[in-house]
C-alpha atoms as a PDB file:
ATOM      1  CA  THR A   1      39.922   1.298  75.925  1.00  0.00           C
ATOM      2  CA  ALA A   2      42.402   1.647  73.027  1.00  0.00           C
ATOM      3  CA  GLY A   3      39.523   1.183  70.663  1.00  0.00           C
ATOM      4  CA  ARG A   4      37.492   4.062  72.059  1.00  0.00           C
ATOM      5  CA  LEU A   5      40.634   5.804  71.859  1.00  0.00           C
ATOM      6  CA  LEU A   6      41.227   5.649  68.794  1.00  0.00           C
ATOM      7  CA  ALA A   7      37.485   6.180  67.751  1.00  0.00           C
ATOM      8  CA  GLY A   8      37.632   9.519  69.346  1.00  0.00           C
ATOM      9  CA  VAL A   9      40.447  10.458  67.555  1.00  0.00           C
ATOM     10  CA  ALA A  10      39.470   9.442  64.281  1.00  0.00           C
ATOM     11  CA  SER A  11      36.071  11.314  64.899  1.00  0.00           C
ATOM     12  CA  GLY A  12      37.405  14.477  65.988  1.00  0.00           C
ATOM     13  CA  ALA A  13      40.038  14.375  63.072  1.00  0.00           C
ATOM     14  CA  ALA A  14      36.631  14.381  60.839  1.00  0.00           C
ATOM     15  CA  PHE A  15      34.257  16.279  62.456  1.00  0.00           C
ATOM     16  CA  GLY A  16      35.688  19.492  62.443  1.00  0.00           C
ATOM     17  CA  PRO A  17      37.479  19.460  58.352  1.00  0.00           C
ATOM     18  CA  GLY A  18      34.154  17.341  57.318  1.00  0.00           C
ATOM     19  CA  THR A  19      31.878  20.209  58.784  1.00  0.00           C
ATOM     20  CA  ALA A  20      34.177  23.129  57.182  1.00  0.00           C
ATOM     21  CA  TRP A  21      34.126  21.376  54.321  1.00  0.00           C
ATOM     22  CA  VAL A  22      30.526  20.949  53.756  1.00  0.00           C
ATOM     23  CA  LYS A  23      30.034  24.643  54.590  1.00  0.00           C
ATOM     24  CA  GLU A  24      32.526  25.712  52.010  1.00  0.00           C
ATOM     25  CA  LEU A  25      30.785  23.821  49.156  1.00  0.00           C
ATOM     26  CA  SER A  26      27.436  25.030  50.667  1.00  0.00           C
ATOM     27  CA  ALA A  27      25.383  28.273  49.916  1.00  0.00           C
ATOM     28  CA  PRO A  28      25.614  31.338  52.780  1.00  0.00           C
ATOM     29  CA  GLY A  29      23.011  30.706  55.486  1.00  0.00           C
ATOM     30  CA  THR A  30      23.011  26.697  54.567  1.00  0.00           C
ATOM     31  CA  GLY A  31      26.277  25.383  55.685  1.00  0.00           C
ATOM     32  CA  ALA A  32      25.414  24.355  59.144  1.00  0.00           C
ATOM     33  CA  ARG A  33      22.028  22.917  58.478  1.00  0.00           C
ATOM     34  CA  ARG A  34      23.398  20.609  55.862  1.00  0.00           C
ATOM     35  CA  ALA A  35      26.450  19.744  58.080  1.00  0.00           C
ATOM     36  CA  VAL A  36      24.157  18.700  60.986  1.00  0.00           C
ATOM     37  CA  ILE A  37      22.266  16.333  58.712  1.00  0.00           C
ATOM     38  CA  GLY A  38      25.376  14.591  57.594  1.00  0.00           C
ATOM     39  CA  LEU A  39      26.804  14.146  61.045  1.00  0.00           C
ATOM     40  CA  SER A  40      23.023  13.352  62.523  1.00  0.00           C
ATOM     41  CA  ALA A  41      22.910  10.876  59.645  1.00  0.00           C
ATOM     42  CA  GLY A  42      26.053   9.144  60.920  1.00  0.00           C
ATOM     43  CA  PHE A  43      25.203   9.403  64.414  1.00  0.00           C
ATOM     44  CA  GLY A  44      21.997   8.384  64.517  1.00  0.00           C
ATOM     45  CA  GLY A  45      21.934   5.923  61.133  1.00  0.00           C
ATOM     46  CA  GLY A  46      24.948   3.939  62.990  1.00  0.00           C
ATOM     47  CA  PRO A  47      23.529   2.970  66.306  1.00  0.00           C
ATOM     48  CA  LEU A  48      20.341   2.081  64.241  1.00  0.00           C
ATOM     49  CA  VAL A  49      21.860  -0.297  61.946  1.00  0.00           C
ATOM     50  CA  ALA A  50      24.210  -1.695  64.972  1.00  0.00           C
ATOM     51  CA  GLY A  51      21.478  -2.394  67.194  1.00  0.00           C
ATOM     52  CA  VAL A  52      19.788  -4.223  64.604  1.00  0.00           C
ATOM     53  CA  LEU A  53      22.813  -6.289  63.967  1.00  0.00           C
ATOM     54  CA  ALA A  54      23.799  -6.954  67.085  1.00  0.00           C
ATOM     55  CA  GLN A  55      20.072  -7.377  68.739  1.00  0.00           C
ATOM     56  CA  TRP A  56      18.977 -10.114  65.372  1.00  0.00           C
ATOM     57  CA  LEU A  57      21.991 -11.397  63.354  1.00  0.00           C
ATOM     58  CA  PRO A  58      24.722 -13.526  64.174  1.00  0.00           C
ATOM     59  CA  LEU A  59      28.256 -12.786  65.993  1.00  0.00           C
ATOM     60  CA  PRO A  60      26.648  -9.656  67.863  1.00  0.00           C
ATOM     61  CA  THR A  61      30.149  -8.485  68.836  1.00  0.00           C
ATOM     62  CA  VAL A  62      31.599  -8.522  65.719  1.00  0.00           C
ATOM     63  CA  LEU A  63      29.753  -8.381  62.779  1.00  0.00           C
ATOM     64  CA  PRO A  64      28.489  -4.437  63.664  1.00  0.00           C
ATOM     65  CA  TYR A  65      32.241  -3.722  63.384  1.00  0.00           C
ATOM     66  CA  LEU A  66      32.882  -5.427  60.219  1.00  0.00           C
ATOM     67  CA  VAL A  67      30.107  -3.554  58.211  1.00  0.00           C
ATOM     68  CA  HIS A  68      31.716  -0.406  59.589  1.00  0.00           C
ATOM     69  CA  ILE A  69      35.086  -1.306  58.117  1.00  0.00           C
ATOM     70  CA  GLY A  70      33.238  -2.574  54.846  1.00  0.00           C
ATOM     71  CA  LEU A  71      31.874   1.140  54.518  1.00  0.00           C
ATOM     72  CA  MET A  72      35.205   2.645  55.476  1.00  0.00           C
ATOM     73  CA  ALA A  73      37.119   1.224  52.968  1.00  0.00           C
ATOM     74  CA  VAL A  74      35.004   2.267  50.306  1.00  0.00           C
ATOM     75  CA  ILE A  75      35.026   6.005  51.756  1.00  0.00           C
ATOM     76  CA  ILE A  76      38.557   6.612  52.245  1.00  0.00           C
ATOM     77  CA  PRO A  77      40.016   5.988  48.679  1.00  0.00           C
ATOM     78  CA  LEU A  78      37.383   8.830  47.915  1.00  0.00           C
ATOM     79  CA  ALA A  79      37.908  11.254  50.195  1.00  0.00           C
ATOM     80  CA  TRP A  80      41.822  11.114  49.914  1.00  0.00           C
ATOM     81  CA  HIS A  81      41.428  12.076  46.500  1.00  0.00           C
ATOM     82  CA  ALA A  82      39.306  14.928  47.274  1.00  0.00           C
ATOM     83  CA  PRO A  83      40.122  18.787  46.291  1.00  0.00           C
ATOM     84  CA  GLU A  84      41.431  21.164  48.624  1.00  0.00           C
ATOM     85  CA  THR A  85      38.989  23.925  48.919  1.00  0.00           C
ATOM     86  CA  VAL A  86      40.814  26.281  51.037  1.00  0.00           C
ATOM     87  CA  PRO A  87      44.793  27.492  50.613  1.00  0.00           C
ATOM     88  CA  PRO A  88      47.201  26.620  52.854  1.00  0.00           C
ATOM     89  CA  GLU A  89      47.847  28.518  56.409  1.00  0.00           C
ATOM     90  CA  VAL A  90      49.480  31.899  55.788  1.00  0.00           C
ATOM     91  CA  PRO A  91      51.608  33.472  58.999  1.00  0.00           C
ATOM     92  CA  GLY A  92      49.815  36.003  61.079  1.00  0.00           C
ATOM     93  CA  ARG A  93      46.314  33.858  61.072  1.00  0.00           C
ATOM     94  CA  ARG A  94      47.144  32.520  64.538  1.00  0.00           C
ATOM     95  CA  GLY A  95      46.095  36.025  66.318  1.00  0.00           C
ATOM     96  CA  GLU A  96      42.480  35.789  64.416  1.00  0.00           C
ATOM     97  CA  LEU A  97      41.885  32.488  65.431  1.00  0.00           C
ATOM     98  CA  ARG A  98      42.479  33.720  68.819  1.00  0.00           C
ATOM     99  CA  ALA A  99      40.201  36.476  68.355  1.00  0.00           C
ATOM    100  CA  ALA A 100      37.127  34.596  66.941  1.00  0.00           C
ATOM    101  CA  LEU A 101      37.473  32.352  70.166  1.00  0.00           C
ATOM    102  CA  ARG A 102      37.882  35.279  72.725  1.00  0.00           C
ATOM    103  CA  ARG A 103      34.399  36.725  70.991  1.00  0.00           C
ATOM    104  CA  PRO A 104      31.885  36.920  73.645  1.00  0.00           C
ATOM    105  CA  GLU A 105      29.197  34.806  71.524  1.00  0.00           C
ATOM    106  CA  PHE A 106      31.520  32.286  71.504  1.00  0.00           C
ATOM    107  CA  ARG A 107      32.995  32.450  75.374  1.00  0.00           C
ATOM    108  CA  TYR A 108      29.387  33.283  76.959  1.00  0.00           C
ATOM    109  CA  GLN A 109      26.682  31.242  74.400  1.00  0.00           C
ATOM    110  CA  VAL A 110      28.709  28.753  72.489  1.00  0.00           C
ATOM    111  CA  ALA A 111      30.995  26.973  74.664  1.00  0.00           C
ATOM    112  CA  PRO A 112      28.985  27.113  78.515  1.00  0.00           C
ATOM    113  CA  ALA A 113      26.357  24.935  76.039  1.00  0.00           C
ATOM    114  CA  ALA A 114      28.470  22.778  73.822  1.00  0.00           C
ATOM    115  CA  PRO A 115      28.943  19.787  76.532  1.00  0.00           C
ATOM    116  CA  LEU A 116      25.446  19.542  76.039  1.00  0.00           C
ATOM    117  CA  VAL A 117      25.221  18.652  72.284  1.00  0.00           C
ATOM    118  CA  PHE A 118      26.691  15.302  72.537  1.00  0.00           C
ATOM    119  CA  GLY A 119      25.794  15.029  76.657  1.00  0.00           C
ATOM    120  CA  VAL A 120      22.023  15.170  75.830  1.00  0.00           C
ATOM    121  CA  PRO A 121      21.817  12.104  72.711  1.00  0.00           C
ATOM    122  CA  THR A 122      24.144  10.024  74.843  1.00  0.00           C
ATOM    123  CA  VAL A 123      21.879  10.164  77.950  1.00  0.00           C
ATOM    124  CA  SER A 124      18.826   9.146  75.624  1.00  0.00           C
ATOM    125  CA  PHE A 125      20.362   5.978  74.142  1.00  0.00           C
ATOM    126  CA  ALA A 126      23.382   5.415  75.870  1.00  0.00           C
ATOM    127  CA  VAL A 127      22.306   5.913  79.442  1.00  0.00           C
ATOM    128  CA  LEU A 128      18.610   5.981  80.425  1.00  0.00           C
ATOM    129  CA  PRO A 129      17.769   2.342  78.662  1.00  0.00           C
ATOM    130  CA  GLY A 130      20.259   0.756  80.345  1.00  0.00           C
ATOM    131  CA  LEU A 131      18.436   1.874  83.714  1.00  0.00           C
ATOM    132  CA  LEU A 132      15.313   0.750  82.841  1.00  0.00           C
ATOM    133  CA  ARG A 133      14.099  -3.044  82.164  1.00  0.00           C
ATOM    134  CA  LEU A 134      13.731  -3.995  78.701  1.00  0.00           C
ATOM    135  CA  HIS A 135      12.762  -7.579  78.423  1.00  0.00           C
ATOM    136  CA  GLY A 136      16.347  -8.118  76.473  1.00  0.00           C
ATOM    137  CA  LEU A 137      15.529  -6.032  73.378  1.00  0.00           C
ATOM    138  CA  GLY A 138      18.209  -3.729  75.081  1.00  0.00           C
ATOM    139  CA  ALA A 139      20.263  -3.417  71.654  1.00  0.00           C
ATOM    140  CA  VAL A 140      17.745  -2.559  69.143  1.00  0.00           C
ATOM    141  CA  VAL A 141      15.734  -0.368  71.866  1.00  0.00           C
ATOM    142  CA  ALA A 142      19.185   1.521  72.423  1.00  0.00           C
ATOM    143  CA  GLY A 143      19.656   1.721  68.688  1.00  0.00           C
ATOM    144  CA  ALA A 144      16.377   2.761  67.843  1.00  0.00           C
ATOM    145  CA  LEU A 145      15.879   5.665  70.350  1.00  0.00           C
ATOM    146  CA  ALA A 146      19.514   6.928  68.825  1.00  0.00           C
ATOM    147  CA  GLY A 147      17.431   7.458  65.858  1.00  0.00           C
ATOM    148  CA  LEU A 148      14.410   8.861  66.923  1.00  0.00           C
ATOM    149  CA  THR A 149      16.925  11.109  69.060  1.00  0.00           C
ATOM    150  CA  LEU A 150      19.349  12.340  65.818  1.00  0.00           C
ATOM    151  CA  GLY A 151      16.479  12.296  63.754  1.00  0.00           C
ATOM    152  CA  THR A 152      14.294  14.654  65.658  1.00  0.00           C
ATOM    153  CA  GLY A 153      17.778  17.033  65.715  1.00  0.00           C
ATOM    154  CA  VAL A 154      17.264  16.768  61.982  1.00  0.00           C
ATOM    155  CA  VAL A 155      13.628  17.446  62.057  1.00  0.00           C
ATOM    156  CA  VAL A 156      14.081  20.543  64.428  1.00  0.00           C
ATOM    157  CA  GLN A 157      16.933  22.696  61.984  1.00  0.00           C
ATOM    158  CA  PRO A 158      13.887  24.854  60.128  1.00  0.00           C
ATOM    159  CA  LEU A 159      13.066  25.944  63.341  1.00  0.00           C
ATOM    160  CA  ALA A 160      16.117  26.644  64.742  1.00  0.00           C
ATOM    161  CA  ARG A 161      16.301  28.904  61.774  1.00  0.00           C
ATOM    162  CA  ARG A 162      14.073  30.505  62.142  1.00  0.00           C
ATOM    163  CA  LEU A 163      14.153  31.618  65.919  1.00  0.00           C
ATOM    164  CA  ASP A 164      17.255  32.951  65.180  1.00  0.00           C
ATOM    165  CA  GLN A 165      16.007  34.783  62.325  1.00  0.00           C
ATOM    166  CA  ARG A 166      13.164  36.529  64.629  1.00  0.00           C
ATOM    167  CA  ARG A 167      15.986  36.753  67.442  1.00  0.00           C
ATOM    168  CA  PRO A 168      19.503  35.690  67.129  1.00  0.00           C
ATOM    169  CA  GLY A 169      20.642  33.300  70.100  1.00  0.00           C
ATOM    170  CA  SER A 170      17.314  31.953  70.426  1.00  0.00           C
ATOM    171  CA  SER A 171      17.955  28.406  69.287  1.00  0.00           C
ATOM    172  CA  HIS A 172      20.672  28.351  72.175  1.00  0.00           C
ATOM    173  CA  TYR A 173      17.937  29.243  74.887  1.00  0.00           C
ATOM    174  CA  ALA A 174      15.293  26.948  72.977  1.00  0.00           C
ATOM    175  CA  GLY A 175      17.937  23.998  73.079  1.00  0.00           C
ATOM    176  CA  ILE A 176      18.850  24.805  77.275  1.00  0.00           C
ATOM    177  CA  ALA A 177      14.917  24.694  77.752  1.00  0.00           C
ATOM    178  CA  LEU A 178      15.065  21.489  75.885  1.00  0.00           C
ATOM    179  CA  ALA A 179      17.509  19.766  77.643  1.00  0.00           C
ATOM    180  CA  ALA A 180      16.600  20.823  81.132  1.00  0.00           C
ATOM    181  CA  THR A 181      12.964  19.222  80.036  1.00  0.00           C
ATOM    182  CA  GLY A 182      14.193  16.138  78.661  1.00  0.00           C
ATOM    183  CA  PHE A 183      16.383  15.671  81.691  1.00  0.00           C
ATOM    184  CA  VAL A 184      13.089  15.831  83.785  1.00  0.00           C
ATOM    185  CA  LEU A 185      11.249  13.403  81.581  1.00  0.00           C
ATOM    186  CA  GLY A 186      13.990  11.092  82.303  1.00  0.00           C
ATOM    187  CA  ALA A 187      14.095  10.975  85.778  1.00  0.00           C
ATOM    188  CA  VAL A 188      10.499  10.000  85.767  1.00  0.00           C
ATOM    189  CA  ALA A 189      10.817   7.582  83.672  1.00  0.00           C
ATOM    190  CA  VAL A 190      13.600   6.185  85.792  1.00  0.00           C
ATOM    191  CA  HIS A 191      11.684   6.312  89.133  1.00  0.00           C
ATOM    192  CA  TRP A 192       8.493   5.247  88.107  1.00  0.00           C
ATOM    193  CA  ALA A 193       9.970   2.615  85.966  1.00  0.00           C
ATOM    194  CA  VAL A 194       8.094   3.753  82.607  1.00  0.00           C
ATOM    195  CA  PRO A 195      10.210   2.443  79.492  1.00  0.00           C
ATOM    196  CA  GLU A 196       6.704   4.283  77.715  1.00  0.00           C
ATOM    197  CA  LEU A 197       8.382   7.883  78.519  1.00  0.00           C
ATOM    198  CA  LEU A 198      11.557   6.772  76.503  1.00  0.00           C
ATOM    199  CA  VAL A 199      10.125   7.906  72.912  1.00  0.00           C
ATOM    200  CA  PRO A 200       8.876  11.214  74.141  1.00  0.00           C
ATOM    201  CA  THR A 201      12.285  11.656  76.234  1.00  0.00           C
ATOM    202  CA  ALA A 202      14.266  11.234  72.951  1.00  0.00           C
ATOM    203  CA  ILE A 203      12.225  13.334  70.876  1.00  0.00           C
ATOM    204  CA  VAL A 204      12.931  16.242  73.465  1.00  0.00           C
ATOM    205  CA  LEU A 205      16.635  15.862  73.965  1.00  0.00           C
ATOM    206  CA  GLY A 206      16.555  14.960  70.184  1.00  0.00           C
ATOM    207  CA  GLY A 207      15.348  18.689  69.730  1.00  0.00           C
ATOM    208  CA  CYS A 208      17.970  19.653  72.514  1.00  0.00           C
ATOM    209  CA  TYR A 209      20.629  18.485  70.048  1.00  0.00           C
ATOM    210  CA  GLY A 210      19.724  19.745  66.470  1.00  0.00           C
ATOM    211  CA  MET A 211      19.062  23.329  68.176  1.00  0.00           C
ATOM    212  CA  LEU A 212      22.056  23.635  70.310  1.00  0.00           C
ATOM    213  CA  LEU A 213      24.293  21.843  67.252  1.00  0.00           C
ATOM    214  CA  VAL A 214      22.874  24.411  64.646  1.00  0.00           C
ATOM    215  CA  ALA A 215      22.937  27.258  66.826  1.00  0.00           C
ATOM    216  CA  GLY A 216      26.718  26.430  67.498  1.00  0.00           C
ATOM    217  CA  LEU A 217      27.351  25.894  63.895  1.00  0.00           C
ATOM    218  CA  SER A 218      26.192  28.899  62.746  1.00  0.00           C
ATOM    219  CA  THR A 219      28.062  31.073  65.501  1.00  0.00           C
ATOM    220  CA  VAL A 220      31.478  29.805  64.756  1.00  0.00           C
ATOM    221  CA  GLU A 221      30.533  30.243  61.034  1.00  0.00           C
ATOM    222  CA  ARG A 222      29.936  33.821  61.161  1.00  0.00           C
ATOM    223  CA  LEU A 223      32.929  34.783  63.707  1.00  0.00           C
ATOM    224  CA  ALA A 224      35.834  32.574  62.180  1.00  0.00           C
ATOM    225  CA  ALA A 225      37.601  33.541  58.478  1.00  0.00           C
ATOM    226  CA  PRO A 226      37.405  31.537  56.000  1.00  0.00           C
ATOM    227  CA  GLU A 227      41.094  30.078  56.885  1.00  0.00           C
ATOM    228  CA  ASP A 228      40.082  29.488  60.319  1.00  0.00           C
ATOM    229  CA  LEU A 229      36.796  27.856  59.874  1.00  0.00           C
ATOM    230  CA  ALA A 230      38.199  24.423  60.395  1.00  0.00           C
ATOM    231  CA  SER A 231      40.097  25.072  63.715  1.00  0.00           C
ATOM    232  CA  VAL A 232      37.343  27.420  65.123  1.00  0.00           C
ATOM    233  CA  THR A 233      35.178  24.605  64.625  1.00  0.00           C
ATOM    234  CA  ALA A 234      37.557  21.782  65.503  1.00  0.00           C
ATOM    235  CA  VAL A 235      37.246  23.570  69.209  1.00  0.00           C
ATOM    236  CA  PHE A 236      33.742  23.777  69.335  1.00  0.00           C
ATOM    237  CA  TYR A 237      33.716  20.277  68.718  1.00  0.00           C
ATOM    238  CA  CYS A 238      35.940  19.690  71.790  1.00  0.00           C
ATOM    239  CA  LEU A 239      33.790  21.113  74.007  1.00  0.00           C
ATOM    240  CA  THR A 240      30.983  19.061  72.583  1.00  0.00           C
ATOM    241  CA  TYR A 241      32.608  16.163  73.454  1.00  0.00           C
ATOM    242  CA  VAL A 242      32.930  16.685  77.197  1.00  0.00           C
ATOM    243  CA  GLY A 243      29.386  15.513  77.055  1.00  0.00           C
ATOM    244  CA  PHE A 244      30.404  11.998  76.109  1.00  0.00           C
ATOM    245  CA  ALA A 245      31.299  11.258  79.890  1.00  0.00           C
ATOM    246  CA  ALA A 246      27.959  11.567  80.752  1.00  0.00           C
ATOM    247  CA  PRO A 247      27.753   7.614  80.558  1.00  0.00           C
ATOM    248  CA  TYR A 248      30.164   7.559  83.074  1.00  0.00           C
ATOM    249  CA  VAL A 249      29.414  10.309  85.241  1.00  0.00           C
ATOM    250  CA  VAL A 250      26.138   8.371  86.093  1.00  0.00           C
ATOM    251  CA  THR A 251      27.782   5.048  86.441  1.00  0.00           C
ATOM    252  CA  ALA A 252      30.412   6.050  89.034  1.00  0.00           C
ATOM    253  CA  ILE A 253      27.825   8.440  91.045  1.00  0.00           C
ATOM    254  CA  ALA A 254      25.363   5.941  91.142  1.00  0.00           C
ATOM    255  CA  PRO A 255      26.086   4.267  94.476  1.00  0.00           C
ATOM    256  CA  VAL A 256      25.845   7.748  95.905  1.00  0.00           C
ATOM    257  CA  VAL A 257      23.330   9.726  94.090  1.00  0.00           C
ATOM    258  CA  PRO A 258      20.679   7.630  92.287  1.00  0.00           C
ATOM    259  CA  PRO A 259      20.311   8.105  88.591  1.00  0.00           C
ATOM    260  CA  PRO A 260      17.048   9.723  88.818  1.00  0.00           C
ATOM    261  CA  VAL A 261      18.514  12.470  91.302  1.00  0.00           C
ATOM    262  CA  THR A 262      21.799  12.942  89.087  1.00  0.00           C
ATOM    263  CA  LEU A 263      19.042  13.934  85.919  1.00  0.00           C
ATOM    264  CA  LEU A 264      17.530  16.425  88.139  1.00  0.00           C
ATOM    265  CA  ILE A 265      20.807  17.941  89.233  1.00  0.00           C
ATOM    266  CA  ALA A 266      21.805  17.960  85.050  1.00  0.00           C
ATOM    267  CA  ALA A 267      18.176  19.767  84.731  1.00  0.00           C
ATOM    268  CA  ALA A 268      18.879  22.227  87.158  1.00  0.00           C
ATOM    269  CA  PHE A 269      22.572  22.704  85.627  1.00  0.00           C
ATOM    270  CA  ALA A 270      20.611  23.355  82.206  1.00  0.00           C
ATOM    271  CA  ALA A 271      17.929  25.833  83.783  1.00  0.00           C
ATOM    272  CA  VAL A 272      20.955  28.061  85.212  1.00  0.00           C
ATOM    273  CA  LEU A 273      22.582  28.233  81.912  1.00  0.00           C
ATOM    274  CA  ILE A 274      19.529  30.126  80.456  1.00  0.00           C
ATOM    275  CA  PRO A 275      19.262  32.945  82.524  1.00  0.00           C
ATOM    276  CA  VAL A 276      24.010  32.595  83.052  1.00  0.00           C
ATOM    277  CA  THR A 277      24.113  33.175  79.130  1.00  0.00           C
ATOM    278  CA  ALA A 278      21.725  35.795  78.666  1.00  0.00           C
ATOM    279  CA  LEU A 279      23.428  37.837  81.246  1.00  0.00           C
ATOM    280  CA  SER A 280      26.669  37.379  79.522  1.00  0.00           C
ATOM    281  CA  THR A 281      25.942  37.668  76.068  1.00  0.00           C
ATOM    282  CA  VAL A 282      25.791  40.901  73.586  1.00  0.00           C
ATOM    283  CA  PRO A 283      23.627  40.575  70.725  1.00  0.00           C
ATOM    284  CA  LEU A 284      25.149  38.673  68.062  1.00  0.00           C
ATOM    285  CA  ARG A 285      25.960  40.900  65.381  1.00  0.00           C
ATOM    286  CA  ARG A 286      28.977  41.023  62.509  1.00  0.00           C
ATOM    287  CA  SER A 287      31.765  43.349  63.412  1.00  0.00           C
ATOM    288  CA  THR A 288      33.389  45.352  60.989  1.00  0.00           C
ATOM    289  CA  SER A 289      36.329  42.422  60.927  1.00  0.00           C
ATOM    290  CA  ASP A 290      33.291  39.909  60.176  1.00  0.00           C
ATOM    291  CA  GLU A 291      32.529  41.868  57.059  1.00  0.00           C
ATOM    292  CA  ARG A 292      36.248  41.945  55.949  1.00  0.00           C
ATOM    293  CA  TRP A 293      36.561  38.171  55.778  1.00  0.00           C
ATOM    294  CA  ARG A 294      32.792  37.500  54.005  1.00  0.00           C
END
């Protein structure tokens, strides 16, 4: 438990500033995609490598952590001496930060869908493999599903951008629809014990992850002033972290609600978000203050 708590603190400390840093160093319109690629590479590649190490090499409960520690020993000195790209915060910025979080685009579009960002891939590779018989290959299958899910999230980024260019906010709706579809596929796979369905389920849920993460980060980038970008991004990530509770929820209610039913309930919840979000949002367009920040 203590290790998971520290891992969560470390992730939170890195995701927000790291995403903001990538955006600051990127050309306009490319920051969100680059941030998603970096996040997905670690989020998907880590479990994939750890699954292989745990499945086929000695010390399965120790070796994956040793590799991670060695990697961090190399990265920390490099990151520690990196130059700051934004001046220190000046008085009076707090009001503008709150204004960005109160914008309808954030409250009614980004925030409701944010828990699905990490909840969906967690279901894909942490929940579903544990509900099916995998003939002793659980570790490597979970790692492979993580790579497939997060890899799909990277592949769909150009599509997410094209959708938003045609109609702002479309990638939010597409991501939510993919979440509902993926949960239904997962329920079918578990109820009828069909492990082969884990592959298309991972692809669909990975598409949801990519769509919603790109959409959320792009909206945050548009709403926040440069000085507030890391803070608003951190708030967004805090909301996405709620999705990591998915395995605990499924396990806790399993004696009362069978996992296939839980997945169908999750699909219904995601489907409800589409009309609710559509009725509660306004067109995504830059205000005068947004132009001033740019």
